[in-house]
Amino acid sequence: PRHAVVIGSYRGFVPLVLGRAFQDNGEHGRVTFVDPS
């Protein structure tokens, strides 16, 4: 995908994994991370 949305993450594990996967895809994918802390 070109875009993922992550709602909630204690220390960013899922945004980090998806962000790295998108970079490895080489297709400029981005992650929107929503967390009110």
PDB file of all heavy atoms in Angstrom:
ATOM      1  N   PRO A   1       0.831  -1.208   0.000  1.00  0.00           N
ATOM      2  CA  PRO A   1       0.000   0.000   0.000  1.00  0.00           C
ATOM      3  C   PRO A   1       0.858   1.248   0.000  1.00  0.00           C
ATOM      4  O   PRO A   1       2.032   1.211   0.375  1.00  0.00           O
ATOM      5  CB  PRO A   1      -0.787  -0.125   1.305  1.00  0.00           C
ATOM      6  CG  PRO A   1       0.134  -0.867   2.202  1.00  0.00           C
ATOM      7  CD  PRO A   1       0.899  -1.825   1.323  1.00  0.00           C
ATOM      8  N   ARG A   2       0.278   2.330  -0.407  1.00  0.00           N
ATOM      9  CA  ARG A   2       0.979   3.609  -0.333  1.00  0.00           C
ATOM     10  C   ARG A   2       0.732   4.305   1.006  1.00  0.00           C
ATOM     11  O   ARG A   2       1.431   5.257   1.335  1.00  0.00           O
ATOM     12  CB  ARG A   2       0.532   4.512  -1.483  1.00  0.00           C
ATOM     13  CG  ARG A   2       0.892   3.965  -2.870  1.00  0.00           C
ATOM     14  CD  ARG A   2       2.396   3.806  -3.018  1.00  0.00           C
ATOM     15  NE  ARG A   2       2.770   3.227  -4.288  1.00  0.00           N
ATOM     16  CZ  ARG A   2       3.022   3.926  -5.382  1.00  0.00           C
ATOM     17  NH1 ARG A   2       2.924   5.241  -5.343  1.00  0.00           N
ATOM     18  NH2 ARG A   2       3.367   3.324  -6.497  1.00  0.00           N
ATOM     19  N   HIS A   3      -0.270   3.810   1.758  1.00  0.00           N
ATOM     20  CA  HIS A   3      -0.634   4.511   2.979  1.00  0.00           C
ATOM     21  C   HIS A   3      -1.181   3.527   4.008  1.00  0.00           C
ATOM     22  O   HIS A   3      -2.005   2.671   3.683  1.00  0.00           O
ATOM     23  CB  HIS A   3      -1.687   5.572   2.675  1.00  0.00           C
ATOM     24  CG  HIS A   3      -1.908   6.538   3.796  1.00  0.00           C
ATOM     25  ND1 HIS A   3      -2.992   7.376   3.840  1.00  0.00           N
ATOM     26  CD2 HIS A   3      -1.197   6.796   4.931  1.00  0.00           C
ATOM     27  CE1 HIS A   3      -2.932   8.105   4.941  1.00  0.00           C
ATOM     28  NE2 HIS A   3      -1.858   7.763   5.613  1.00  0.00           N
ATOM     29  N   ALA A   4      -0.707   3.633   5.229  1.00  0.00           N
ATOM     30  CA  ALA A   4      -1.233   2.869   6.351  1.00  0.00           C
ATOM     31  C   ALA A   4      -1.613   3.830   7.466  1.00  0.00           C
ATOM     32  O   ALA A   4      -0.993   4.889   7.629  1.00  0.00           O
ATOM     33  CB  ALA A   4      -0.199   1.866   6.866  1.00  0.00           C
ATOM     34  N   VAL A   5      -2.626   3.453   8.228  1.00  0.00           N
ATOM     35  CA  VAL A   5      -3.041   4.215   9.406  1.00  0.00           C
ATOM     36  C   VAL A   5      -2.898   3.312  10.619  1.00  0.00           C
ATOM     37  O   VAL A   5      -3.407   2.186  10.629  1.00  0.00           O
ATOM     38  CB  VAL A   5      -4.492   4.716   9.285  1.00  0.00           C
ATOM     39  CG1 VAL A   5      -4.959   5.343  10.604  1.00  0.00           C
ATOM     40  CG2 VAL A   5      -4.618   5.724   8.148  1.00  0.00           C
ATOM     41  N   VAL A   6      -2.194   3.794  11.632  1.00  0.00           N
ATOM     42  CA  VAL A   6      -2.024   3.058  12.888  1.00  0.00           C
ATOM     43  C   VAL A   6      -2.646   3.884  14.000  1.00  0.00           C
ATOM     44  O   VAL A   6      -2.276   5.045  14.213  1.00  0.00           O
ATOM     45  CB  VAL A   6      -0.538   2.805  13.195  1.00  0.00           C
ATOM     46  CG1 VAL A   6      -0.400   2.094  14.548  1.00  0.00           C
ATOM     47  CG2 VAL A   6       0.107   1.983  12.092  1.00  0.00           C
ATOM     48  N   ILE A   7      -3.593   3.292  14.717  1.00  0.00           N
ATOM     49  CA  ILE A   7      -4.256   3.967  15.827  1.00  0.00           C
ATOM     50  C   ILE A   7      -3.753   3.359  17.126  1.00  0.00           C
ATOM     51  O   ILE A   7      -4.051   2.213  17.450  1.00  0.00           O
ATOM     52  CB  ILE A   7      -5.783   3.822  15.723  1.00  0.00           C
ATOM     53  CG1 ILE A   7      -6.291   4.418  14.411  1.00  0.00           C
ATOM     54  CG2 ILE A   7      -6.468   4.492  16.915  1.00  0.00           C
ATOM     55  CD1 ILE A   7      -7.742   4.141  14.126  1.00  0.00           C
ATOM     56  N   GLY A   8      -2.929   4.113  17.836  1.00  0.00           N
ATOM     57  CA  GLY A   8      -2.413   3.677  19.114  1.00  0.00           C
ATOM     58  C   GLY A   8      -1.160   2.835  19.004  1.00  0.00           C
ATOM     59  O   GLY A   8      -1.055   1.973  18.139  1.00  0.00           O
ATOM     60  N   SER A   9      -0.196   3.110  19.888  1.00  0.00           N
ATOM     61  CA  SER A   9       1.013   2.291  19.987  1.00  0.00           C
ATOM     62  C   SER A   9       1.778   2.749  21.209  1.00  0.00           C
ATOM     63  O   SER A   9       2.080   3.940  21.344  1.00  0.00           O
ATOM     64  CB  SER A   9       1.891   2.416  18.748  1.00  0.00           C
ATOM     65  OG  SER A   9       3.016   1.556  18.838  1.00  0.00           O
ATOM     66  N   TYR A  10       2.114   1.818  22.083  1.00  0.00           N
ATOM     67  CA  TYR A  10       2.768   2.181  23.345  1.00  0.00           C
ATOM     68  C   TYR A  10       4.112   2.856  23.098  1.00  0.00           C
ATOM     69  O   TYR A  10       4.375   3.943  23.598  1.00  0.00           O
ATOM     70  CB  TYR A  10       2.922   0.942  24.212  1.00  0.00           C
ATOM     71  CG  TYR A  10       3.587   1.199  25.541  1.00  0.00           C
ATOM     72  CD1 TYR A  10       3.022   2.086  26.463  1.00  0.00           C
ATOM     73  CD2 TYR A  10       4.781   0.568  25.878  1.00  0.00           C
ATOM     74  CE1 TYR A  10       3.634   2.335  27.686  1.00  0.00           C
ATOM     75  CE2 TYR A  10       5.394   0.810  27.109  1.00  0.00           C
ATOM     76  CZ  TYR A  10       4.818   1.691  28.002  1.00  0.00           C
ATOM     77  OH  TYR A  10       5.429   1.934  29.210  1.00  0.00           O
ATOM     78  N   ARG A  11       4.970   2.208  22.302  1.00  0.00           N
ATOM     79  CA  ARG A  11       6.282   2.784  22.000  1.00  0.00           C
ATOM     80  C   ARG A  11       6.602   2.745  20.505  1.00  0.00           C
ATOM     81  O   ARG A  11       7.754   2.856  20.116  1.00  0.00           O
ATOM     82  CB  ARG A  11       7.382   2.063  22.794  1.00  0.00           C
ATOM     83  CG  ARG A  11       7.342   2.346  24.306  1.00  0.00           C
ATOM     84  CD  ARG A  11       7.653   3.798  24.600  1.00  0.00           C
ATOM     85  NE  ARG A  11       7.700   4.093  26.036  1.00  0.00           N
ATOM     86  CZ  ARG A  11       6.708   4.637  26.726  1.00  0.00           C
ATOM     87  NH1 ARG A  11       5.559   4.932  26.112  1.00  0.00           N
ATOM     88  NH2 ARG A  11       6.838   4.887  28.019  1.00  0.00           N
ATOM     89  N   GLY A  12       5.577   2.580  19.678  1.00  0.00           N
ATOM     90  CA  GLY A  12       5.780   2.738  18.239  1.00  0.00           C
ATOM     91  C   GLY A  12       6.175   1.488  17.490  1.00  0.00           C
ATOM     92  O   GLY A  12       6.640   1.585  16.342  1.00  0.00           O
ATOM     93  N   PHE A  13       5.982   0.308  18.082  1.00  0.00           N
ATOM     94  CA  PHE A  13       6.415  -0.930  17.428  1.00  0.00           C
ATOM     95  C   PHE A  13       5.777  -1.099  16.050  1.00  0.00           C
ATOM     96  O   PHE A  13       6.479  -1.317  15.045  1.00  0.00           O
ATOM     97  CB  PHE A  13       6.077  -2.129  18.324  1.00  0.00           C
ATOM     98  CG  PHE A  13       6.434  -3.472  17.719  1.00  0.00           C
ATOM     99  CD1 PHE A  13       7.752  -3.833  17.523  1.00  0.00           C
ATOM    100  CD2 PHE A  13       5.437  -4.367  17.347  1.00  0.00           C
ATOM    101  CE1 PHE A  13       8.094  -5.067  16.967  1.00  0.00           C
ATOM    102  CE2 PHE A  13       5.760  -5.603  16.800  1.00  0.00           C
ATOM    103  CZ  PHE A  13       7.081  -5.954  16.606  1.00  0.00           C
ATOM    104  N   VAL A  14       4.466  -0.997  15.962  1.00  0.00           N
ATOM    105  CA  VAL A  14       3.788  -1.224  14.676  1.00  0.00           C
ATOM    106  C   VAL A  14       4.104  -0.120  13.663  1.00  0.00           C
ATOM    107  O   VAL A  14       4.434  -0.426  12.509  1.00  0.00           O
ATOM    108  CB  VAL A  14       2.272  -1.398  14.875  1.00  0.00           C
ATOM    109  CG1 VAL A  14       1.560  -1.531  13.522  1.00  0.00           C
ATOM    110  CG2 VAL A  14       1.989  -2.629  15.731  1.00  0.00           C
ATOM    111  N   PRO A  15       4.041   1.167  14.020  1.00  0.00           N
ATOM    112  CA  PRO A  15       4.460   2.185  13.044  1.00  0.00           C
ATOM    113  C   PRO A  15       5.881   1.977  12.543  1.00  0.00           C
ATOM    114  O   PRO A  15       6.163   2.189  11.357  1.00  0.00           O
ATOM    115  CB  PRO A  15       4.320   3.498  13.818  1.00  0.00           C
ATOM    116  CG  PRO A  15       3.331   3.217  14.885  1.00  0.00           C
ATOM    117  CD  PRO A  15       3.534   1.781  15.259  1.00  0.00           C
ATOM    118  N   LEU A  16       6.778   1.546  13.439  1.00  0.00           N
ATOM    119  CA  LEU A  16       8.154   1.305  13.023  1.00  0.00           C
ATOM    120  C   LEU A  16       8.257   0.155  12.028  1.00  0.00           C
ATOM    121  O   LEU A  16       8.940   0.269  10.997  1.00  0.00           O
ATOM    122  CB  LEU A  16       9.022   0.999  14.248  1.00  0.00           C
ATOM    123  CG  LEU A  16       9.490   2.198  15.064  1.00  0.00           C
ATOM    124  CD1 LEU A  16      10.024   1.749  16.418  1.00  0.00           C
ATOM    125  CD2 LEU A  16      10.547   2.980  14.307  1.00  0.00           C
ATOM    126  N   VAL A  17       7.582  -0.946  12.309  1.00  0.00           N
ATOM    127  CA  VAL A  17       7.642  -2.104  11.421  1.00  0.00           C
ATOM    128  C   VAL A  17       7.045  -1.766  10.061  1.00  0.00           C
ATOM    129  O   VAL A  17       7.631  -2.083   9.010  1.00  0.00           O
ATOM    130  CB  VAL A  17       6.917  -3.307  12.049  1.00  0.00           C
ATOM    131  CG1 VAL A  17       6.776  -4.436  11.041  1.00  0.00           C
ATOM    132  CG2 VAL A  17       7.679  -3.808  13.276  1.00  0.00           C
ATOM    133  N   LEU A  18       5.891  -1.106  10.056  1.00  0.00           N
ATOM    134  CA  LEU A  18       5.268  -0.748   8.781  1.00  0.00           C
ATOM    135  C   LEU A  18       6.097   0.300   8.043  1.00  0.00           C
ATOM    136  O   LEU A  18       6.259   0.230   6.815  1.00  0.00           O
ATOM    137  CB  LEU A  18       3.847  -0.232   9.017  1.00  0.00           C
ATOM    138  CG  LEU A  18       2.842  -1.242   9.563  1.00  0.00           C
ATOM    139  CD1 LEU A  18       1.462  -0.596   9.693  1.00  0.00           C
ATOM    140  CD2 LEU A  18       2.755  -2.483   8.676  1.00  0.00           C
ATOM    141  N   GLY A  19       6.621   1.268   8.772  1.00  0.00           N
ATOM    142  CA  GLY A  19       7.447   2.281   8.130  1.00  0.00           C
ATOM    143  C   GLY A  19       8.671   1.684   7.469  1.00  0.00           C
ATOM    144  O   GLY A  19       9.034   2.046   6.345  1.00  0.00           O
ATOM    145  N   ARG A  20       9.326   0.721   8.142  1.00  0.00           N
ATOM    146  CA  ARG A  20      10.485   0.062   7.552  1.00  0.00           C
ATOM    147  C   ARG A  20      10.080  -0.753   6.326  1.00  0.00           C
ATOM    148  O   ARG A  20      10.782  -0.751   5.300  1.00  0.00           O
ATOM    149  CB  ARG A  20      11.160  -0.832   8.588  1.00  0.00           C
ATOM    150  CG  ARG A  20      12.305  -1.679   8.046  1.00  0.00           C
ATOM    151  CD  ARG A  20      13.373  -0.830   7.366  1.00  0.00           C
ATOM    152  NE  ARG A  20      13.998   0.089   8.254  1.00  0.00           N
ATOM    153  CZ  ARG A  20      15.070  -0.191   8.992  1.00  0.00           C
ATOM    154  NH1 ARG A  20      15.614  -1.381   8.962  1.00  0.00           N
ATOM    155  NH2 ARG A  20      15.604   0.738   9.759  1.00  0.00           N
ATOM    156  N   ALA A  21       8.949  -1.445   6.402  1.00  0.00           N
ATOM    157  CA  ALA A  21       8.479  -2.233   5.260  1.00  0.00           C
ATOM    158  C   ALA A  21       8.195  -1.336   4.065  1.00  0.00           C
ATOM    159  O   ALA A  21       8.551  -1.667   2.922  1.00  0.00           O
ATOM    160  CB  ALA A  21       7.234  -3.020   5.644  1.00  0.00           C
ATOM    161  N   PHE A  22       7.586  -0.191   4.304  1.00  0.00           N
ATOM    162  CA  PHE A  22       7.294   0.737   3.212  1.00  0.00           C
ATOM    163  C   PHE A  22       8.584   1.244   2.578  1.00  0.00           C
ATOM    164  O   PHE A  22       8.673   1.395   1.360  1.00  0.00           O
ATOM    165  CB  PHE A  22       6.473   1.914   3.735  1.00  0.00           C
ATOM    166  CG  PHE A  22       5.007   1.596   3.925  1.00  0.00           C
ATOM    167  CD1 PHE A  22       4.524   0.308   3.804  1.00  0.00           C
ATOM    168  CD2 PHE A  22       4.106   2.604   4.231  1.00  0.00           C
ATOM    169  CE1 PHE A  22       3.183   0.025   3.971  1.00  0.00           C
ATOM    170  CE2 PHE A  22       2.761   2.339   4.404  1.00  0.00           C
ATOM    171  CZ  PHE A  22       2.294   1.045   4.280  1.00  0.00           C
ATOM    172  N   GLN A  23       9.583   1.532   3.411  1.00  0.00           N
ATOM    173  CA  GLN A  23      10.869   1.976   2.862  1.00  0.00           C
ATOM    174  C   GLN A  23      11.510   0.866   2.037  1.00  0.00           C
ATOM    175  O   GLN A  23      12.077   1.130   0.973  1.00  0.00           O
ATOM    176  CB  GLN A  23      11.786   2.418   4.001  1.00  0.00           C
ATOM    177  CG  GLN A  23      11.348   3.719   4.644  1.00  0.00           C
ATOM    178  CD  GLN A  23      12.210   4.180   5.799  1.00  0.00           C
ATOM    179  OE1 GLN A  23      11.972   5.224   6.385  1.00  0.00           O
ATOM    180  NE2 GLN A  23      13.220   3.417   6.150  1.00  0.00           N
ATOM    181  N   ASP A  24      11.396  -0.360   2.510  1.00  0.00           N
ATOM    182  CA  ASP A  24      11.952  -1.487   1.755  1.00  0.00           C
ATOM    183  C   ASP A  24      11.198  -1.710   0.458  1.00  0.00           C
ATOM    184  O   ASP A  24      11.773  -2.200  -0.525  1.00  0.00           O
ATOM    185  CB  ASP A  24      11.924  -2.758   2.610  1.00  0.00           C
ATOM    186  CG  ASP A  24      12.896  -2.688   3.783  1.00  0.00           C
ATOM    187  OD1 ASP A  24      13.762  -1.793   3.784  1.00  0.00           O
ATOM    188  OD2 ASP A  24      12.777  -3.529   4.705  1.00  0.00           O
ATOM    189  N   ASN A  25       9.917  -1.350   0.423  1.00  0.00           N
ATOM    190  CA  ASN A  25       9.151  -1.443  -0.823  1.00  0.00           C
ATOM    191  C   ASN A  25       9.678  -0.469  -1.876  1.00  0.00           C
ATOM    192  O   ASN A  25       9.536  -0.708  -3.079  1.00  0.00           O
ATOM    193  CB  ASN A  25       7.672  -1.143  -0.575  1.00  0.00           C
ATOM    194  CG  ASN A  25       6.921  -2.309   0.049  1.00  0.00           C
ATOM    195  OD1 ASN A  25       7.390  -3.443   0.045  1.00  0.00           O
ATOM    196  ND2 ASN A  25       5.746  -2.025   0.596  1.00  0.00           N
ATOM    197  N   GLY A  26      10.231   0.642  -1.419  1.00  0.00           N
ATOM    198  CA  GLY A  26      10.772   1.633  -2.347  1.00  0.00           C
ATOM    199  C   GLY A  26       9.713   2.365  -3.139  1.00  0.00           C
ATOM    200  O   GLY A  26       9.990   2.843  -4.246  1.00  0.00           O
ATOM    201  N   GLU A  27       8.511   2.496  -2.573  1.00  0.00           N
ATOM    202  CA  GLU A  27       7.405   3.117  -3.316  1.00  0.00           C
ATOM    203  C   GLU A  27       6.815   4.315  -2.580  1.00  0.00           C
ATOM    204  O   GLU A  27       5.661   4.681  -2.792  1.00  0.00           O
ATOM    205  CB  GLU A  27       6.332   2.064  -3.598  1.00  0.00           C
ATOM    206  CG  GLU A  27       6.843   0.938  -4.500  1.00  0.00           C
ATOM    207  CD  GLU A  27       5.859  -0.222  -4.630  1.00  0.00           C
ATOM    208  OE1 GLU A  27       4.810  -0.206  -3.954  1.00  0.00           O
ATOM    209  OE2 GLU A  27       6.161  -1.144  -5.408  1.00  0.00           O
ATOM    210  N   HIS A  28       7.596   4.915  -1.690  1.00  0.00           N
ATOM    211  CA  HIS A  28       7.220   6.154  -1.001  1.00  0.00           C
ATOM    212  C   HIS A  28       5.947   5.992  -0.162  1.00  0.00           C
ATOM    213  O   HIS A  28       5.162   6.936  -0.032  1.00  0.00           O
ATOM    214  CB  HIS A  28       7.037   7.303  -1.998  1.00  0.00           C
ATOM    215  CG  HIS A  28       8.207   7.497  -2.911  1.00  0.00           C
ATOM    216  ND1 HIS A  28       9.429   7.955  -2.470  1.00  0.00           N
ATOM    217  CD2 HIS A  28       8.356   7.244  -4.246  1.00  0.00           C
ATOM    218  CE1 HIS A  28      10.276   8.011  -3.487  1.00  0.00           C
ATOM    219  NE2 HIS A  28       9.659   7.573  -4.572  1.00  0.00           N
ATOM    220  N   GLY A  29       5.746   4.811   0.417  1.00  0.00           N
ATOM    221  CA  GLY A  29       4.611   4.619   1.315  1.00  0.00           C
ATOM    222  C   GLY A  29       4.781   5.417   2.595  1.00  0.00           C
ATOM    223  O   GLY A  29       5.898   5.717   3.023  1.00  0.00           O
ATOM    224  N   ARG A  30       3.662   5.765   3.213  1.00  0.00           N
ATOM    225  CA  ARG A  30       3.724   6.579   4.432  1.00  0.00           C
ATOM    226  C   ARG A  30       2.766   6.018   5.477  1.00  0.00           C
ATOM    227  O   ARG A  30       1.772   5.361   5.157  1.00  0.00           O
ATOM    228  CB  ARG A  30       3.385   8.044   4.125  1.00  0.00           C
ATOM    229  CG  ARG A  30       2.011   8.250   3.515  1.00  0.00           C
ATOM    230  CD  ARG A  30       1.845   9.636   2.914  1.00  0.00           C
ATOM    231  NE  ARG A  30       0.550   9.778   2.255  1.00  0.00           N
ATOM    232  CZ  ARG A  30      -0.519  10.281   2.832  1.00  0.00           C
ATOM    233  NH1 ARG A  30      -0.464  10.690   4.097  1.00  0.00           N
ATOM    234  NH2 ARG A  30      -1.656  10.391   2.178  1.00  0.00           N
ATOM    235  N   VAL A  31       3.091   6.301   6.716  1.00  0.00           N
ATOM    236  CA  VAL A  31       2.308   5.821   7.843  1.00  0.00           C
ATOM    237  C   VAL A  31       1.750   7.015   8.605  1.00  0.00           C
ATOM    238  O   VAL A  31       2.508   7.902   9.028  1.00  0.00           O
ATOM    239  CB  VAL A  31       3.164   4.965   8.802  1.00  0.00           C
ATOM    240  CG1 VAL A  31       2.320   4.496   9.991  1.00  0.00           C
ATOM    241  CG2 VAL A  31       3.768   3.777   8.066  1.00  0.00           C
ATOM    242  N   THR A  32       0.431   7.053   8.754  1.00  0.00           N
ATOM    243  CA  THR A  32      -0.216   8.035   9.619  1.00  0.00           C
ATOM    244  C   THR A  32      -0.457   7.370  10.968  1.00  0.00           C
ATOM    245  O   THR A  32      -1.125   6.342  11.052  1.00  0.00           O
ATOM    246  CB  THR A  32      -1.550   8.501   9.013  1.00  0.00           C
ATOM    247  OG1 THR A  32      -1.288   9.261   7.828  1.00  0.00           O
ATOM    248  CG2 THR A  32      -2.322   9.375   9.991  1.00  0.00           C
ATOM    249  N   PHE A  33       0.104   7.944  12.005  1.00  0.00           N
ATOM    250  CA  PHE A  33       0.077   7.365  13.347  1.00  0.00           C
ATOM    251  C   PHE A  33      -0.720   8.297  14.265  1.00  0.00           C
ATOM    252  O   PHE A  33      -0.347   9.452  14.463  1.00  0.00           O
ATOM    253  CB  PHE A  33       1.514   7.182  13.840  1.00  0.00           C
ATOM    254  CG  PHE A  33       1.657   6.814  15.281  1.00  0.00           C
ATOM    255  CD1 PHE A  33       0.787   5.926  15.907  1.00  0.00           C
ATOM    256  CD2 PHE A  33       2.708   7.344  16.035  1.00  0.00           C
ATOM    257  CE1 PHE A  33       0.944   5.590  17.243  1.00  0.00           C
ATOM    258  CE2 PHE A  33       2.881   7.004  17.364  1.00  0.00           C
ATOM    259  CZ  PHE A  33       1.987   6.132  17.968  1.00  0.00           C
ATOM    260  N   VAL A  34      -1.823   7.790  14.797  1.00  0.00           N
ATOM    261  CA  VAL A  34      -2.726   8.584  15.636  1.00  0.00           C
ATOM    262  C   VAL A  34      -2.652   8.067  17.070  1.00  0.00           C
ATOM    263  O   VAL A  34      -3.026   6.917  17.333  1.00  0.00           O
ATOM    264  CB  VAL A  34      -4.174   8.513  15.109  1.00  0.00           C
ATOM    265  CG1 VAL A  34      -5.112   9.340  15.990  1.00  0.00           C
ATOM    266  CG2 VAL A  34      -4.242   8.973  13.658  1.00  0.00           C
ATOM    267  N   ASP A  35      -2.154   8.890  17.983  1.00  0.00           N
ATOM    268  CA  ASP A  35      -2.063   8.496  19.393  1.00  0.00           C
ATOM    269  C   ASP A  35      -2.045   9.761  20.247  1.00  0.00           C
ATOM    270  O   ASP A  35      -1.164  10.607  20.079  1.00  0.00           O
ATOM    271  CB  ASP A  35      -0.803   7.663  19.649  1.00  0.00           C
ATOM    272  CG  ASP A  35      -0.782   7.052  21.041  1.00  0.00           C
ATOM    273  OD1 ASP A  35      -0.887   7.809  22.027  1.00  0.00           O
ATOM    274  OD2 ASP A  35      -0.668   5.818  21.148  1.00  0.00           O
ATOM    275  N   PRO A  36      -2.994   9.918  21.171  1.00  0.00           N
ATOM    276  CA  PRO A  36      -3.066  11.139  21.979  1.00  0.00           C
ATOM    277  C   PRO A  36      -2.094  11.177  23.150  1.00  0.00           C
ATOM    278  O   PRO A  36      -2.063  12.160  23.891  1.00  0.00           O
ATOM    279  CB  PRO A  36      -4.505  11.128  22.498  1.00  0.00           C
ATOM    280  CG  PRO A  36      -4.856   9.673  22.580  1.00  0.00           C
ATOM    281  CD  PRO A  36      -4.139   9.015  21.421  1.00  0.00           C
ATOM    282  N   SER A  37      -1.302  10.130  23.333  1.00  0.00           N
ATOM    283  CA  SER A  37      -0.308  10.049  24.410  1.00  0.00           C
ATOM    284  C   SER A  37      -0.968  10.143  25.786  1.00  0.00           C
ATOM    285  O   SER A  37      -0.520  10.887  26.667  1.00  0.00           O
ATOM    286  CB  SER A  37       0.754  11.149  24.267  1.00  0.00           C
ATOM    287  OG  SER A  37       1.948  10.799  24.943  1.00  0.00           O
TER     288      SER A  37
END
